[in-house]
Amino acid sequence: MENRRVHVWVRGRVQGVFFRAYTRDAAVREGVAGWVRNLRDGRVEAVFEGPADKVQRMVDWCWGGSPLSRVDAVDQQEEEYKGEFQGFDITYRGG
């Protein structure tokens, strides 16, 4: 199975609504590795790595988000698969 890496930026009401926690839980269920974090401009940023079909399900999941979120846009960028993550984390670096 082909592996894939996608970097996403989610815009809308996505901070203060448990978006990161729900993203982590969904990624763990799918078996996707990577990270998610809040950005200072109000967006949420994430990187998903794993089997192509599971990564796509995570990108699709971002359009729905957490129960209290309102997603206006999901910008995505394909990146070279690196296989650098052991699991999926909420991170607080940068932003």
Protein backbone atom coordinates (compact mmCIF):
# COMPACT_ATOMS: atom_id res chain seq x y z
CA MET A 1 0.00 0.00 0.00
CA GLU A 2 1.26 3.47 -0.87
CA ASN A 3 2.08 5.88 1.95
CA ARG A 4 1.25 9.58 1.84
CA ARG A 5 1.98 12.78 3.76
CA VAL A 6 -0.38 15.77 3.76
CA HIS A 7 0.05 19.10 5.55
CA VAL A 8 -3.27 20.86 6.28
CA TRP A 9 -4.40 24.23 7.58
CA VAL A 10 -7.99 24.42 8.82
CA ARG A 11 -9.85 27.75 8.98
CA GLY A 12 -13.07 28.62 10.78
CA ARG A 13 -14.11 28.27 14.40
CA VAL A 14 -11.50 25.63 15.18
CA GLN A 15 -9.84 26.84 18.37
CA GLY A 16 -11.41 26.49 21.80
CA VAL A 17 -13.72 23.73 20.50
CA PHE A 18 -11.51 20.67 21.17
CA PHE A 19 -10.56 20.42 17.50
CA ARG A 20 -7.02 19.24 18.29
CA ALA A 21 -8.16 16.55 20.72
CA TYR A 22 -10.76 15.22 18.30
CA THR A 23 -8.18 15.28 15.50
CA ARG A 24 -5.74 13.26 17.61
CA ASP A 25 -8.46 10.74 18.52
CA ALA A 26 -9.54 10.35 14.87
CA ALA A 27 -5.93 9.93 13.71
CA VAL A 28 -5.25 7.28 16.36
CA ARG A 29 -8.41 5.39 15.30
CA GLU A 30 -7.30 5.55 11.64
CA GLY A 31 -3.72 4.56 12.42
CA VAL A 32 -2.32 7.80 11.01
CA ALA A 33 0.82 9.40 12.44
CA GLY A 34 1.72 13.09 12.70
CA TRP A 35 0.77 16.11 14.78
CA VAL A 36 -1.75 18.93 15.20
CA ARG A 37 -1.43 22.40 16.71
CA ASN A 38 -3.14 25.77 17.01
CA LEU A 39 -1.72 28.74 15.14
CA ARG A 40 -1.72 32.31 16.43
CA ASP A 41 -3.92 33.44 13.51
CA GLY A 42 -6.81 31.20 14.64
CA ARG A 43 -6.20 28.30 12.26
CA VAL A 44 -5.31 24.72 13.15
CA GLU A 45 -2.34 23.11 11.39
CA ALA A 46 -1.73 19.37 11.10
CA VAL A 47 0.47 16.85 9.32
CA PHE A 48 -0.87 13.39 8.54
CA GLU A 49 1.32 10.45 7.46
CA GLY A 50 0.37 6.89 6.72
CA PRO A 51 -1.44 4.72 4.20
CA ALA A 52 -2.86 6.93 1.45
CA ASP A 53 -6.50 5.94 2.04
CA LYS A 54 -6.29 6.61 5.78
CA VAL A 55 -4.58 9.97 5.27
CA GLN A 56 -7.36 10.94 2.86
CA ARG A 57 -9.97 9.99 5.47
CA MET A 58 -8.23 12.35 7.91
CA VAL A 59 -8.24 15.20 5.39
CA ASP A 60 -11.95 14.54 4.80
CA TRP A 61 -12.52 14.36 8.57
CA CYS A 62 -11.08 17.88 8.93
CA TRP A 63 -14.02 19.27 6.94
CA GLY A 64 -16.38 18.10 9.70
CA GLY A 65 -14.09 18.59 12.67
CA SER A 66 -15.16 18.46 16.28
CA PRO A 67 -18.83 18.75 17.29
CA LEU A 68 -18.54 22.44 18.26
CA SER A 69 -16.32 23.53 15.37
CA ARG A 70 -17.29 25.30 12.15
CA VAL A 71 -14.87 24.62 9.32
CA ASP A 72 -14.73 27.23 6.55
CA ALA A 73 -11.78 25.83 4.59
CA VAL A 74 -9.17 23.11 4.62
CA ASP A 75 -6.04 24.03 2.70
CA GLN A 76 -3.75 21.12 1.98
CA GLN A 77 -0.30 20.54 0.60
CA GLU A 78 1.12 17.20 -0.47
CA GLU A 79 4.59 16.57 0.90
CA GLU A 80 7.15 13.84 0.53
CA TYR A 81 6.41 10.91 2.82
CA LYS A 82 9.11 10.70 5.50
CA GLY A 83 7.81 8.14 8.00
CA GLU A 84 9.25 10.25 10.81
CA PHE A 85 6.43 9.95 13.36
CA GLN A 86 5.80 7.15 15.85
CA GLY A 87 2.24 8.20 16.70
CA PHE A 88 -0.01 11.26 16.61
CA ASP A 89 0.53 14.17 18.98
CA ILE A 90 -0.91 17.52 19.93
CA THR A 91 2.06 19.85 19.75
CA TYR A 92 2.64 23.40 20.93
CA ARG A 93 5.79 24.24 18.98
CA GLY A 94 5.95 27.38 16.85
CA GLY A 95 2.80 28.81 15.41
